[in-house]
Amino acid sequence: MQISVFVLATGLVAGMTGGALAQHVGDTVIEAPPPRVLEVSPDETMRMERYVREETDVPVIEEHMTLRPGSVLPDGVPLRVFAKDSELARFAYFVSVDNKIVIADPRTRTVVRIIDKKS
């Protein structure tokens, strides 16, 4: 009975940590930090949309794929970084075949925001 309570409690604690990974080395527990996720403010979202609408040579990806925040883009998907001198330079983007602006972290290729592109 005590063992099953311990296993249940351990599972609850692991579930509450948000997926953080831990490694046991002897009596020491080493926890990996959670993955870094870039945050996009509402103001940045508006500036991104405006920037992409004004851009004349926007990469449009013809490949159909399931896109949602948190998904990792395949290596073959080209990303364009926002202007280097811009506050948005920490983000990259492309336009999907269904006219969505896909914002990603260029280091991890993780989708952080999807914006409807208004013409």
PDB file of N, CA and C in Angstrom:
ATOM      1  N   MET A   1       0.825  -1.201   0.000  1.00  0.00           N
ATOM      2  CA  MET A   1       0.000   0.000   0.000  1.00  0.00           C
ATOM      3  C   MET A   1       0.858   1.249   0.000  1.00  0.00           C
ATOM      4  N   GLN A   2       1.935   1.268   0.834  1.00  0.00           N
ATOM      5  CA  GLN A   2       2.793   2.438   0.899  1.00  0.00           C
ATOM      6  C   GLN A   2       3.489   2.688  -0.433  1.00  0.00           C
ATOM      7  N   ILE A   3       3.890   1.635  -1.112  1.00  0.00           N
ATOM      8  CA  ILE A   3       4.581   1.783  -2.390  1.00  0.00           C
ATOM      9  C   ILE A   3       3.651   2.402  -3.421  1.00  0.00           C
ATOM     10  N   SER A   4       2.396   1.968  -3.494  1.00  0.00           N
ATOM     11  CA  SER A   4       1.473   2.527  -4.489  1.00  0.00           C
ATOM     12  C   SER A   4       1.165   3.996  -4.194  1.00  0.00           C
ATOM     13  N   VAL A   5       1.096   4.379  -2.918  1.00  0.00           N
ATOM     14  CA  VAL A   5       0.888   5.783  -2.560  1.00  0.00           C
ATOM     15  C   VAL A   5       2.096   6.598  -2.993  1.00  0.00           C
ATOM     16  N   PHE A   6       3.315   6.071  -2.785  1.00  0.00           N
ATOM     17  CA  PHE A   6       4.533   6.755  -3.217  1.00  0.00           C
ATOM     18  C   PHE A   6       4.559   6.931  -4.722  1.00  0.00           C
ATOM     19  N   VAL A   7       4.213   5.885  -5.462  1.00  0.00           N
ATOM     20  CA  VAL A   7       4.191   5.961  -6.924  1.00  0.00           C
ATOM     21  C   VAL A   7       3.155   6.984  -7.387  1.00  0.00           C
ATOM     22  N   LEU A   8       1.987   6.986  -6.787  1.00  0.00           N
ATOM     23  CA  LEU A   8       0.944   7.945  -7.128  1.00  0.00           C
ATOM     24  C   LEU A   8       1.404   9.372  -6.838  1.00  0.00           C
ATOM     25  N   ALA A   9       1.995   9.590  -5.664  1.00  0.00           N
ATOM     26  CA  ALA A   9       2.486  10.928  -5.293  1.00  0.00           C
ATOM     27  C   ALA A   9       3.589  11.373  -6.231  1.00  0.00           C
ATOM     28  N   THR A  10       4.490  10.461  -6.595  1.00  0.00           N
ATOM     29  CA  THR A  10       5.564  10.792  -7.526  1.00  0.00           C
ATOM     30  C   THR A  10       4.995  11.185  -8.886  1.00  0.00           C
ATOM     31  N   GLY A  11       3.989  10.467  -9.333  1.00  0.00           N
ATOM     32  CA  GLY A  11       3.343  10.793 -10.609  1.00  0.00           C
ATOM     33  C   GLY A  11       2.674  12.146 -10.574  1.00  0.00           C
ATOM     34  N   LEU A  12       2.016  12.478  -9.460  1.00  0.00           N
ATOM     35  CA  LEU A  12       1.375  13.790  -9.338  1.00  0.00           C
ATOM     36  C   LEU A  12       2.400  14.907  -9.358  1.00  0.00           C
ATOM     37  N   VAL A  13       3.496  14.731  -8.644  1.00  0.00           N
ATOM     38  CA  VAL A  13       4.551  15.758  -8.631  1.00  0.00           C
ATOM     39  C   VAL A  13       5.143  15.908 -10.020  1.00  0.00           C
ATOM     40  N   ALA A  14       5.412  14.814 -10.703  1.00  0.00           N
ATOM     41  CA  ALA A  14       5.968  14.882 -12.054  1.00  0.00           C
ATOM     42  C   ALA A  14       5.005  15.577 -12.996  1.00  0.00           C
ATOM     43  N   GLY A  15       3.711  15.326 -12.849  1.00  0.00           N
ATOM     44  CA  GLY A  15       2.721  15.965 -13.701  1.00  0.00           C
ATOM     45  C   GLY A  15       2.615  17.457 -13.468  1.00  0.00           C
ATOM     46  N   MET A  16       2.845  17.894 -12.229  1.00  0.00           N
ATOM     47  CA  MET A  16       2.741  19.316 -11.905  1.00  0.00           C
ATOM     48  C   MET A  16       3.971  20.105 -12.319  1.00  0.00           C
ATOM     49  N   THR A  17       5.075  19.451 -12.640  1.00  0.00           N
ATOM     50  CA  THR A  17       6.288  20.173 -12.998  1.00  0.00           C
ATOM     51  C   THR A  17       6.265  20.652 -14.437  1.00  0.00           C
ATOM     52  N   GLY A  18       5.210  20.360 -15.170  1.00  0.00           N
ATOM     53  CA  GLY A  18       5.108  20.856 -16.534  1.00  0.00           C
ATOM     54  C   GLY A  18       6.037  20.151 -17.494  1.00  0.00           C
ATOM     55  N   GLY A  19       6.370  18.925 -17.216  1.00  0.00           N
ATOM     56  CA  GLY A  19       7.190  18.166 -18.138  1.00  0.00           C
ATOM     57  C   GLY A  19       8.683  18.389 -17.952  1.00  0.00           C
ATOM     58  N   ALA A  20       9.097  19.024 -16.886  1.00  0.00           N
ATOM     59  CA  ALA A  20      10.526  19.214 -16.650  1.00  0.00           C
ATOM     60  C   ALA A  20      11.181  17.850 -16.509  1.00  0.00           C
ATOM     61  N   LEU A  21      12.360  17.715 -17.063  1.00  0.00           N
ATOM     62  CA  LEU A  21      13.067  16.450 -17.021  1.00  0.00           C
ATOM     63  C   LEU A  21      14.032  16.449 -15.855  1.00  0.00           C
ATOM     64  N   ALA A  22      14.161  15.312 -15.193  1.00  0.00           N
ATOM     65  CA  ALA A  22      15.103  15.194 -14.092  1.00  0.00           C
ATOM     66  C   ALA A  22      15.955  13.963 -14.315  1.00  0.00           C
ATOM     67  N   GLN A  23      17.202  14.068 -13.886  1.00  0.00           N
ATOM     68  CA  GLN A  23      18.120  12.952 -13.998  1.00  0.00           C
ATOM     69  C   GLN A  23      18.727  12.719 -12.629  1.00  0.00           C
ATOM     70  N   HIS A  24      18.763  11.457 -12.208  1.00  0.00           N
ATOM     71  CA  HIS A  24      19.359  11.129 -10.917  1.00  0.00           C
ATOM     72  C   HIS A  24      20.807  10.728 -11.135  1.00  0.00           C
ATOM     73  N   VAL A  25      21.705  11.356 -10.385  1.00  0.00           N
ATOM     74  CA  VAL A  25      23.108  10.983 -10.382  1.00  0.00           C
ATOM     75  C   VAL A  25      23.457  10.726  -8.922  1.00  0.00           C
ATOM     76  N   GLY A  26      23.487   9.448  -8.545  1.00  0.00           N
ATOM     77  CA  GLY A  26      23.675   9.122  -7.130  1.00  0.00           C
ATOM     78  C   GLY A  26      22.495   9.654  -6.342  1.00  0.00           C
ATOM     79  N   ASP A  27      22.778  10.441  -5.313  1.00  0.00           N
ATOM     80  CA  ASP A  27      21.724  11.047  -4.506  1.00  0.00           C
ATOM     81  C   ASP A  27      21.333  12.437  -5.013  1.00  0.00           C
ATOM     82  N   THR A  28      21.980  12.893  -6.068  1.00  0.00           N
ATOM     83  CA  THR A  28      21.737  14.237  -6.591  1.00  0.00           C
ATOM     84  C   THR A  28      20.735  14.178  -7.732  1.00  0.00           C
ATOM     85  N   VAL A  29      19.768  15.089  -7.733  1.00  0.00           N
ATOM     86  CA  VAL A  29      18.798  15.191  -8.816  1.00  0.00           C
ATOM     87  C   VAL A  29      19.151  16.430  -9.629  1.00  0.00           C
ATOM     88  N   ILE A  30      19.358  16.239 -10.918  1.00  0.00           N
ATOM     89  CA  ILE A  30      19.678  17.348 -11.818  1.00  0.00           C
ATOM     90  C   ILE A  30      18.470  17.562 -12.706  1.00  0.00           C
ATOM     91  N   GLU A  31      17.865  18.747 -12.625  1.00  0.00           N
ATOM     92  CA  GLU A  31      16.688  19.047 -13.434  1.00  0.00           C
ATOM     93  C   GLU A  31      17.068  19.904 -14.622  1.00  0.00           C
ATOM     94  N   ALA A  32      16.560  19.529 -15.785  1.00  0.00           N
ATOM     95  CA  ALA A  32      16.767  20.324 -16.991  1.00  0.00           C
ATOM     96  C   ALA A  32      15.775  21.479 -16.978  1.00  0.00           C
ATOM     97  N   PRO A  33      16.209  22.666 -17.424  1.00  0.00           N
ATOM     98  CA  PRO A  33      15.259  23.784 -17.462  1.00  0.00           C
ATOM     99  C   PRO A  33      14.185  23.526 -18.501  1.00  0.00           C
ATOM    100  N   PRO A  34      12.992  24.092 -18.309  1.00  0.00           N
ATOM    101  CA  PRO A  34      11.959  23.920 -19.328  1.00  0.00           C
ATOM    102  C   PRO A  34      12.387  24.611 -20.612  1.00  0.00           C
ATOM    103  N   PRO A  35      11.874  24.161 -21.760  1.00  0.00           N
ATOM    104  CA  PRO A  35      12.262  24.789 -23.013  1.00  0.00           C
ATOM    105  C   PRO A  35      11.879  26.272 -23.014  1.00  0.00           C
ATOM    106  N   ARG A  36      12.749  27.089 -23.582  1.00  0.00           N
ATOM    107  CA  ARG A  36      12.524  28.529 -23.654  1.00  0.00           C
ATOM    108  C   ARG A  36      11.501  28.812 -24.745  1.00  0.00           C
ATOM    109  N   VAL A  37      10.482  29.553 -24.394  1.00  0.00           N
ATOM    110  CA  VAL A  37       9.449  29.904 -25.363  1.00  0.00           C
ATOM    111  C   VAL A  37       9.430  31.418 -25.493  1.00  0.00           C
ATOM    112  N   LEU A  38       9.560  31.892 -26.718  1.00  0.00           N
ATOM    113  CA  LEU A  38       9.505  33.330 -26.946  1.00  0.00           C
ATOM    114  C   LEU A  38       8.076  33.813 -26.773  1.00  0.00           C
ATOM    115  N   GLU A  39       7.918  34.885 -26.046  1.00  0.00           N
ATOM    116  CA  GLU A  39       6.603  35.491 -25.851  1.00  0.00           C
ATOM    117  C   GLU A  39       6.410  36.595 -26.886  1.00  0.00           C
ATOM    118  N   VAL A  40       5.194  36.724 -27.387  1.00  0.00           N
ATOM    119  CA  VAL A  40       4.861  37.752 -28.370  1.00  0.00           C
ATOM    120  C   VAL A  40       3.765  38.627 -27.780  1.00  0.00           C
ATOM    121  N   SER A  41       4.070  39.904 -27.612  1.00  0.00           N
ATOM    122  CA  SER A  41       3.082  40.823 -27.047  1.00  0.00           C
ATOM    123  C   SER A  41       2.068  41.219 -28.120  1.00  0.00           C
ATOM    124  N   PRO A  42       0.904  41.724 -27.728  1.00  0.00           N
ATOM    125  CA  PRO A  42      -0.079  42.194 -28.717  1.00  0.00           C
ATOM    126  C   PRO A  42       0.494  43.301 -29.610  1.00  0.00           C
ATOM    127  N   ASP A  43       1.314  44.194 -29.038  1.00  0.00           N
ATOM    128  CA  ASP A  43       1.938  45.251 -29.837  1.00  0.00           C
ATOM    129  C   ASP A  43       2.892  44.662 -30.872  1.00  0.00           C
ATOM    130  N   GLU A  44       3.686  43.662 -30.462  1.00  0.00           N
ATOM    131  CA  GLU A  44       4.601  43.007 -31.406  1.00  0.00           C
ATOM    132  C   GLU A  44       3.816  42.303 -32.505  1.00  0.00           C
ATOM    133  N   THR A  45       2.693  41.695 -32.155  1.00  0.00           N
ATOM    134  CA  THR A  45       1.861  41.009 -33.146  1.00  0.00           C
ATOM    135  C   THR A  45       1.395  41.993 -34.214  1.00  0.00           C
ATOM    136  N   MET A  46       0.938  43.169 -33.802  1.00  0.00           N
ATOM    137  CA  MET A  46       0.489  44.186 -34.777  1.00  0.00           C
ATOM    138  C   MET A  46       1.650  44.651 -35.651  1.00  0.00           C
ATOM    139  N   ARG A  47       2.823  44.870 -35.046  1.00  0.00           N
ATOM    140  CA  ARG A  47       3.984  45.307 -35.828  1.00  0.00           C
ATOM    141  C   ARG A  47       4.443  44.232 -36.800  1.00  0.00           C
ATOM    142  N   MET A  48       4.368  42.976 -36.389  1.00  0.00           N
ATOM    143  CA  MET A  48       4.748  41.873 -37.279  1.00  0.00           C
ATOM    144  C   MET A  48       3.830  41.814 -38.489  1.00  0.00           C
ATOM    145  N   GLU A  49       2.526  41.905 -38.219  1.00  0.00           N
ATOM    146  CA  GLU A  49       1.552  41.855 -39.314  1.00  0.00           C
ATOM    147  C   GLU A  49       1.798  43.000 -40.294  1.00  0.00           C
ATOM    148  N   ARG A  50       1.995  44.197 -39.780  1.00  0.00           N
ATOM    149  CA  ARG A  50       2.250  45.366 -40.632  1.00  0.00           C
ATOM    150  C   ARG A  50       3.539  45.172 -41.437  1.00  0.00           C
ATOM    151  N   TYR A  51       4.587  44.699 -40.793  1.00  0.00           N
ATOM    152  CA  TYR A  51       5.879  44.473 -41.439  1.00  0.00           C
ATOM    153  C   TYR A  51       5.737  43.499 -42.610  1.00  0.00           C
ATOM    154  N   VAL A  52       5.057  42.372 -42.366  1.00  0.00           N
ATOM    155  CA  VAL A  52       4.914  41.346 -43.411  1.00  0.00           C
ATOM    156  C   VAL A  52       4.028  41.856 -44.543  1.00  0.00           C
ATOM    157  N   ARG A  53       2.955  42.596 -44.217  1.00  0.00           N
ATOM    158  CA  ARG A  53       2.092  43.147 -45.272  1.00  0.00           C
ATOM    159  C   ARG A  53       2.858  44.114 -46.173  1.00  0.00           C
ATOM    160  N   GLU A  54       3.794  44.880 -45.597  1.00  0.00           N
ATOM    161  CA  GLU A  54       4.551  45.862 -46.369  1.00  0.00           C
ATOM    162  C   GLU A  54       5.734  45.247 -47.106  1.00  0.00           C
ATOM    163  N   GLU A  55       6.143  44.062 -46.699  1.00  0.00           N
ATOM    164  CA  GLU A  55       7.267  43.371 -47.340  1.00  0.00           C
ATOM    165  C   GLU A  55       6.877  42.941 -48.740  1.00  0.00           C
ATOM    166  N   THR A  56       7.767  43.144 -49.707  1.00  0.00           N
ATOM    167  CA  THR A  56       7.434  42.799 -51.095  1.00  0.00           C
ATOM    168  C   THR A  56       7.854  41.384 -51.480  1.00  0.00           C
ATOM    169  N   ASP A  57       8.834  40.834 -50.798  1.00  0.00           N
ATOM    170  CA  ASP A  57       9.356  39.516 -51.169  1.00  0.00           C
ATOM    171  C   ASP A  57       9.198  38.535 -50.008  1.00  0.00           C
ATOM    172  N   VAL A  58       7.954  38.265 -49.645  1.00  0.00           N
ATOM    173  CA  VAL A  58       7.662  37.392 -48.506  1.00  0.00           C
ATOM    174  C   VAL A  58       7.698  35.934 -48.960  1.00  0.00           C
ATOM    175  N   PRO A  59       8.425  35.070 -48.229  1.00  0.00           N
ATOM    176  CA  PRO A  59       8.414  33.662 -48.605  1.00  0.00           C
ATOM    177  C   PRO A  59       7.057  33.029 -48.299  1.00  0.00           C
ATOM    178  N   VAL A  60       6.437  32.465 -49.323  1.00  0.00           N
ATOM    179  CA  VAL A  60       5.163  31.757 -49.152  1.00  0.00           C
ATOM    180  C   VAL A  60       5.467  30.276 -49.313  1.00  0.00           C
ATOM    181  N   ILE A  61       5.122  29.501 -48.328  1.00  0.00           N
ATOM    182  CA  ILE A  61       5.382  28.073 -48.335  1.00  0.00           C
ATOM    183  C   ILE A  61       4.172  27.363 -48.914  1.00  0.00           C
ATOM    184  N   GLU A  62       4.370  26.665 -50.000  1.00  0.00           N
ATOM    185  CA  GLU A  62       3.277  25.965 -50.676  1.00  0.00           C
ATOM    186  C   GLU A  62       2.951  24.622 -50.040  1.00  0.00           C
ATOM    187  N   GLU A  63       3.855  24.120 -49.229  1.00  0.00           N
ATOM    188  CA  GLU A  63       3.663  22.825 -48.589  1.00  0.00           C
ATOM    189  C   GLU A  63       2.546  22.911 -47.551  1.00  0.00           C
ATOM    190  N   HIS A  64       1.648  21.931 -47.585  1.00  0.00           N
ATOM    191  CA  HIS A  64       0.577  21.876 -46.585  1.00  0.00           C
ATOM    192  C   HIS A  64       1.096  21.124 -45.369  1.00  0.00           C
ATOM    193  N   MET A  65       0.980  21.738 -44.196  1.00  0.00           N
ATOM    194  CA  MET A  65       1.406  21.099 -42.957  1.00  0.00           C
ATOM    195  C   MET A  65       0.520  21.598 -41.829  1.00  0.00           C
ATOM    196  N   THR A  66       0.460  20.826 -40.788  1.00  0.00           N
ATOM    197  CA  THR A  66      -0.305  21.234 -39.611  1.00  0.00           C
ATOM    198  C   THR A  66       0.541  22.210 -38.819  1.00  0.00           C
ATOM    199  N   LEU A  67       0.015  23.402 -38.619  1.00  0.00           N
ATOM    200  CA  LEU A  67       0.745  24.441 -37.893  1.00  0.00           C
ATOM    201  C   LEU A  67      -0.045  24.871 -36.678  1.00  0.00           C
ATOM    202  N   ARG A  68       0.634  24.931 -35.549  1.00  0.00           N
ATOM    203  CA  ARG A  68       0.035  25.461 -34.330  1.00  0.00           C
ATOM    204  C   ARG A  68       1.180  25.896 -33.423  1.00  0.00           C
ATOM    205  N   PRO A  69       0.921  26.841 -32.525  1.00  0.00           N
ATOM    206  CA  PRO A  69       1.980  27.238 -31.599  1.00  0.00           C
ATOM    207  C   PRO A  69       2.536  26.026 -30.858  1.00  0.00           C
ATOM    208  N   GLY A  70       3.849  25.954 -30.802  1.00  0.00           N
ATOM    209  CA  GLY A  70       4.519  24.833 -30.149  1.00  0.00           C
ATOM    210  C   GLY A  70       5.036  23.796 -31.115  1.00  0.00           C
ATOM    211  N   SER A  71       4.508  23.761 -32.350  1.00  0.00           N
ATOM    212  CA  SER A  71       5.007  22.769 -33.295  1.00  0.00           C
ATOM    213  C   SER A  71       6.365  23.214 -33.837  1.00  0.00           C
ATOM    214  N   VAL A  72       7.206  22.233 -34.163  1.00  0.00           N
ATOM    215  CA  VAL A  72       8.543  22.501 -34.679  1.00  0.00           C
ATOM    216  C   VAL A  72       8.510  22.356 -36.201  1.00  0.00           C
ATOM    217  N   LEU A  73       9.048  23.367 -36.885  1.00  0.00           N
ATOM    218  CA  LEU A  73       9.034  23.377 -38.339  1.00  0.00           C
ATOM    219  C   LEU A  73      10.132  22.483 -38.899  1.00  0.00           C
ATOM    220  N   PRO A  74       9.849  21.764 -39.993  1.00  0.00           N
ATOM    221  CA  PRO A  74      10.885  20.948 -40.631  1.00  0.00           C
ATOM    222  C   PRO A  74      12.031  21.830 -41.136  1.00  0.00           C
ATOM    223  N   ASP A  75      13.217  21.237 -41.247  1.00  0.00           N
ATOM    224  CA  ASP A  75      14.390  21.986 -41.707  1.00  0.00           C
ATOM    225  C   ASP A  75      14.211  22.580 -43.100  1.00  0.00           C
ATOM    226  N   GLY A  76      13.396  21.967 -43.937  1.00  0.00           N
ATOM    227  CA  GLY A  76      13.211  22.450 -45.303  1.00  0.00           C
ATOM    228  C   GLY A  76      12.358  23.706 -45.427  1.00  0.00           C
ATOM    229  N   VAL A  77      11.738  24.137 -44.350  1.00  0.00           N
ATOM    230  CA  VAL A  77      10.890  25.330 -44.392  1.00  0.00           C
ATOM    231  C   VAL A  77      11.775  26.565 -44.190  1.00  0.00           C
ATOM    232  N   PRO A  78      11.900  27.406 -45.231  1.00  0.00           N
ATOM    233  CA  PRO A  78      12.751  28.590 -45.092  1.00  0.00           C
ATOM    234  C   PRO A  78      12.094  29.654 -44.218  1.00  0.00           C
ATOM    235  N   LEU A  79      12.874  30.231 -43.328  1.00  0.00           N
ATOM    236  CA  LEU A  79      12.387  31.286 -42.447  1.00  0.00           C
ATOM    237  C   LEU A  79      13.117  32.585 -42.781  1.00  0.00           C
ATOM    238  N   ARG A  80      12.409  33.671 -42.708  1.00  0.00           N
ATOM    239  CA  ARG A  80      13.012  34.986 -42.889  1.00  0.00           C
ATOM    240  C   ARG A  80      12.987  35.691 -41.544  1.00  0.00           C
ATOM    241  N   VAL A  81      14.133  36.212 -41.123  1.00  0.00           N
ATOM    242  CA  VAL A  81      14.234  36.936 -39.862  1.00  0.00           C
ATOM    243  C   VAL A  81      13.770  38.366 -40.104  1.00  0.00           C
ATOM    244  N   PHE A  82      13.041  38.920 -39.145  1.00  0.00           N
ATOM    245  CA  PHE A  82      12.638  40.319 -39.240  1.00  0.00           C
ATOM    246  C   PHE A  82      13.899  41.176 -39.283  1.00  0.00           C
ATOM    247  N   ALA A  83      13.790  42.407 -39.750  1.00  0.00           N
ATOM    248  CA  ALA A  83      14.935  43.304 -39.921  1.00  0.00           C
ATOM    249  C   ALA A  83      15.876  43.245 -38.721  1.00  0.00           C
ATOM    250  N   LYS A  84      17.163  43.110 -39.007  1.00  0.00           N
ATOM    251  CA  LYS A  84      18.173  42.952 -37.956  1.00  0.00           C
ATOM    252  C   LYS A  84      18.180  44.103 -36.959  1.00  0.00           C
ATOM    253  N   ASP A  85      17.867  45.316 -37.406  1.00  0.00           N
ATOM    254  CA  ASP A  85      17.899  46.473 -36.519  1.00  0.00           C
ATOM    255  C   ASP A  85      16.572  46.681 -35.793  1.00  0.00           C
ATOM    256  N   SER A  86      15.648  45.780 -35.999  1.00  0.00           N
ATOM    257  CA  SER A  86      14.318  45.882 -35.407  1.00  0.00           C
ATOM    258  C   SER A  86      14.272  45.161 -34.067  1.00  0.00           C
ATOM    259  N   GLU A  87      13.329  45.588 -33.214  1.00  0.00           N
ATOM    260  CA  GLU A  87      13.095  44.872 -31.956  1.00  0.00           C
ATOM    261  C   GLU A  87      12.530  43.479 -32.214  1.00  0.00           C
ATOM    262  N   LEU A  88      12.045  43.253 -33.417  1.00  0.00           N
ATOM    263  CA  LEU A  88      11.451  41.962 -33.769  1.00  0.00           C
ATOM    264  C   LEU A  88      12.477  40.964 -34.290  1.00  0.00           C
ATOM    265  N   ALA A  89      13.751  41.348 -34.322  1.00  0.00           N
ATOM    266  CA  ALA A  89      14.795  40.509 -34.928  1.00  0.00           C
ATOM    267  C   ALA A  89      14.959  39.160 -34.234  1.00  0.00           C
ATOM    268  N   ARG A  90      14.403  38.991 -33.059  1.00  0.00           N
ATOM    269  CA  ARG A  90      14.505  37.692 -32.380  1.00  0.00           C
ATOM    270  C   ARG A  90      13.515  36.681 -32.946  1.00  0.00           C
ATOM    271  N   PHE A  91      12.655  37.112 -33.870  1.00  0.00           N
ATOM    272  CA  PHE A  91      11.659  36.247 -34.491  1.00  0.00           C
ATOM    273  C   PHE A  91      11.944  36.053 -35.976  1.00  0.00           C
ATOM    274  N   ALA A  92      11.438  34.962 -36.521  1.00  0.00           N
ATOM    275  CA  ALA A  92      11.481  34.701 -37.957  1.00  0.00           C
ATOM    276  C   ALA A  92      10.051  34.421 -38.418  1.00  0.00           C
ATOM    277  N   TYR A  93       9.840  34.418 -39.731  1.00  0.00           N
ATOM    278  CA  TYR A  93       8.478  34.241 -40.225  1.00  0.00           C
ATOM    279  C   TYR A  93       8.470  33.665 -41.634  1.00  0.00           C
ATOM    280  N   PHE A  94       7.304  33.204 -42.028  1.00  0.00           N
ATOM    281  CA  PHE A  94       6.964  32.896 -43.411  1.00  0.00           C
ATOM    282  C   PHE A  94       5.454  32.988 -43.514  1.00  0.00           C
ATOM    283  N   VAL A  95       4.931  32.961 -44.745  1.00  0.00           N
ATOM    284  CA  VAL A  95       3.487  32.980 -44.960  1.00  0.00           C
ATOM    285  C   VAL A  95       3.084  31.612 -45.486  1.00  0.00           C
ATOM    286  N   SER A  96       2.067  31.032 -44.864  1.00  0.00           N
ATOM    287  CA  SER A  96       1.604  29.705 -45.267  1.00  0.00           C
ATOM    288  C   SER A  96       0.734  29.804 -46.514  1.00  0.00           C
ATOM    289  N   VAL A  97       0.499  28.669 -47.120  1.00  0.00           N
ATOM    290  CA  VAL A  97      -0.300  28.617 -48.339  1.00  0.00           C
ATOM    291  C   VAL A  97      -1.719  29.131 -48.108  1.00  0.00           C
ATOM    292  N   ASP A  98      -2.219  29.033 -46.879  1.00  0.00           N
ATOM    293  CA  ASP A  98      -3.563  29.532 -46.581  1.00  0.00           C
ATOM    294  C   ASP A  98      -3.538  30.964 -46.024  1.00  0.00           C
ATOM    295  N   ASN A  99      -2.458  31.698 -46.364  1.00  0.00           N
ATOM    296  CA  ASN A  99      -2.340  33.134 -46.080  1.00  0.00           C
ATOM    297  C   ASN A  99      -2.277  33.456 -44.580  1.00  0.00           C
ATOM    298  N   LYS A 100      -1.568  32.642 -43.837  1.00  0.00           N
ATOM    299  CA  LYS A 100      -1.320  32.895 -42.420  1.00  0.00           C
ATOM    300  C   LYS A 100       0.147  33.295 -42.256  1.00  0.00           C
ATOM    301  N   ILE A 101       0.399  34.269 -41.394  1.00  0.00           N
ATOM    302  CA  ILE A 101       1.765  34.649 -41.063  1.00  0.00           C
ATOM    303  C   ILE A 101       2.189  33.756 -39.903  1.00  0.00           C
ATOM    304  N   VAL A 102       3.206  32.956 -40.129  1.00  0.00           N
ATOM    305  CA  VAL A 102       3.679  32.014 -39.116  1.00  0.00           C
ATOM    306  C   VAL A 102       4.949  32.602 -38.506  1.00  0.00           C
ATOM    307  N   ILE A 103       4.900  32.879 -37.207  1.00  0.00           N
ATOM    308  CA  ILE A 103       6.023  33.454 -36.475  1.00  0.00           C
ATOM    309  C   ILE A 103       6.705  32.324 -35.716  1.00  0.00           C
ATOM    310  N   ALA A 104       8.036  32.268 -35.820  1.00  0.00           N
ATOM    311  CA  ALA A 104       8.783  31.186 -35.178  1.00  0.00           C
ATOM    312  C   ALA A 104      10.032  31.716 -34.495  1.00  0.00           C
ATOM    313  N   ASP A 105      10.520  30.925 -33.555  1.00  0.00           N
ATOM    314  CA  ASP A 105      11.814  31.178 -32.929  1.00  0.00           C
ATOM    315  C   ASP A 105      12.851  30.628 -33.909  1.00  0.00           C
ATOM    316  N   PRO A 106      13.719  31.466 -34.469  1.00  0.00           N
ATOM    317  CA  PRO A 106      14.660  30.972 -35.476  1.00  0.00           C
ATOM    318  C   PRO A 106      15.688  29.984 -34.931  1.00  0.00           C
ATOM    319  N   ARG A 107      15.960  30.012 -33.637  1.00  0.00           N
ATOM    320  CA  ARG A 107      16.945  29.088 -33.063  1.00  0.00           C
ATOM    321  C   ARG A 107      16.378  27.695 -32.898  1.00  0.00           C
ATOM    322  N   THR A 108      15.124  27.589 -32.480  1.00  0.00           N
ATOM    323  CA  THR A 108      14.531  26.275 -32.224  1.00  0.00           C
ATOM    324  C   THR A 108      13.555  25.850 -33.311  1.00  0.00           C
ATOM    325  N   ARG A 109      13.202  26.784 -34.218  1.00  0.00           N
ATOM    326  CA  ARG A 109      12.237  26.561 -35.302  1.00  0.00           C
ATOM    327  C   ARG A 109      10.854  26.206 -34.743  1.00  0.00           C
ATOM    328  N   THR A 110      10.557  26.678 -33.546  1.00  0.00           N
ATOM    329  CA  THR A 110       9.278  26.428 -32.902  1.00  0.00           C
ATOM    330  C   THR A 110       8.307  27.551 -33.231  1.00  0.00           C
ATOM    331  N   VAL A 111       7.097  27.192 -33.650  1.00  0.00           N
ATOM    332  CA  VAL A 111       6.064  28.178 -33.958  1.00  0.00           C
ATOM    333  C   VAL A 111       5.621  28.826 -32.646  1.00  0.00           C
ATOM    334  N   VAL A 112       5.636  30.173 -32.625  1.00  0.00           N
ATOM    335  CA  VAL A 112       5.216  30.875 -31.412  1.00  0.00           C
ATOM    336  C   VAL A 112       3.901  31.631 -31.605  1.00  0.00           C
ATOM    337  N   ARG A 113       3.551  31.937 -32.833  1.00  0.00           N
ATOM    338  CA  ARG A 113       2.306  32.685 -33.084  1.00  0.00           C
ATOM    339  C   ARG A 113       1.912  32.483 -34.541  1.00  0.00           C
ATOM    340  N   ILE A 114       0.600  32.438 -34.791  1.00  0.00           N
ATOM    341  CA  ILE A 114       0.077  32.391 -36.152  1.00  0.00           C
ATOM    342  C   ILE A 114      -0.924  33.540 -36.264  1.00  0.00           C
ATOM    343  N   ILE A 115      -0.726  34.365 -37.292  1.00  0.00           N
ATOM    344  CA  ILE A 115      -1.530  35.572 -37.481  1.00  0.00           C
ATOM    345  C   ILE A 115      -2.253  35.492 -38.820  1.00  0.00           C
ATOM    346  N   ASP A 116      -3.545  35.823 -38.856  1.00  0.00           N
ATOM    347  CA  ASP A 116      -4.240  35.918 -40.132  1.00  0.00           C
ATOM    348  C   ASP A 116      -3.687  37.110 -40.892  1.00  0.00           C
ATOM    349  N   LYS A 117      -3.237  36.883 -42.115  1.00  0.00           N
ATOM    350  CA  LYS A 117      -2.703  37.981 -42.930  1.00  0.00           C
ATOM    351  C   LYS A 117      -3.855  38.699 -43.585  1.00  0.00           C
ATOM    352  N   LYS A 118      -4.010  39.961 -43.258  1.00  0.00           N
ATOM    353  CA  LYS A 118      -5.053  40.770 -43.869  1.00  0.00           C
ATOM    354  C   LYS A 118      -4.462  41.430 -45.103  1.00  0.00           C
ATOM    355  N   SER A 119      -5.166  41.373 -46.187  1.00  0.00           N
ATOM    356  CA  SER A 119      -4.648  41.964 -47.438  1.00  0.00           C
ATOM    357  C   SER A 119      -4.764  43.453 -47.460  1.00  0.00           C
TER     358      SER A 119
END
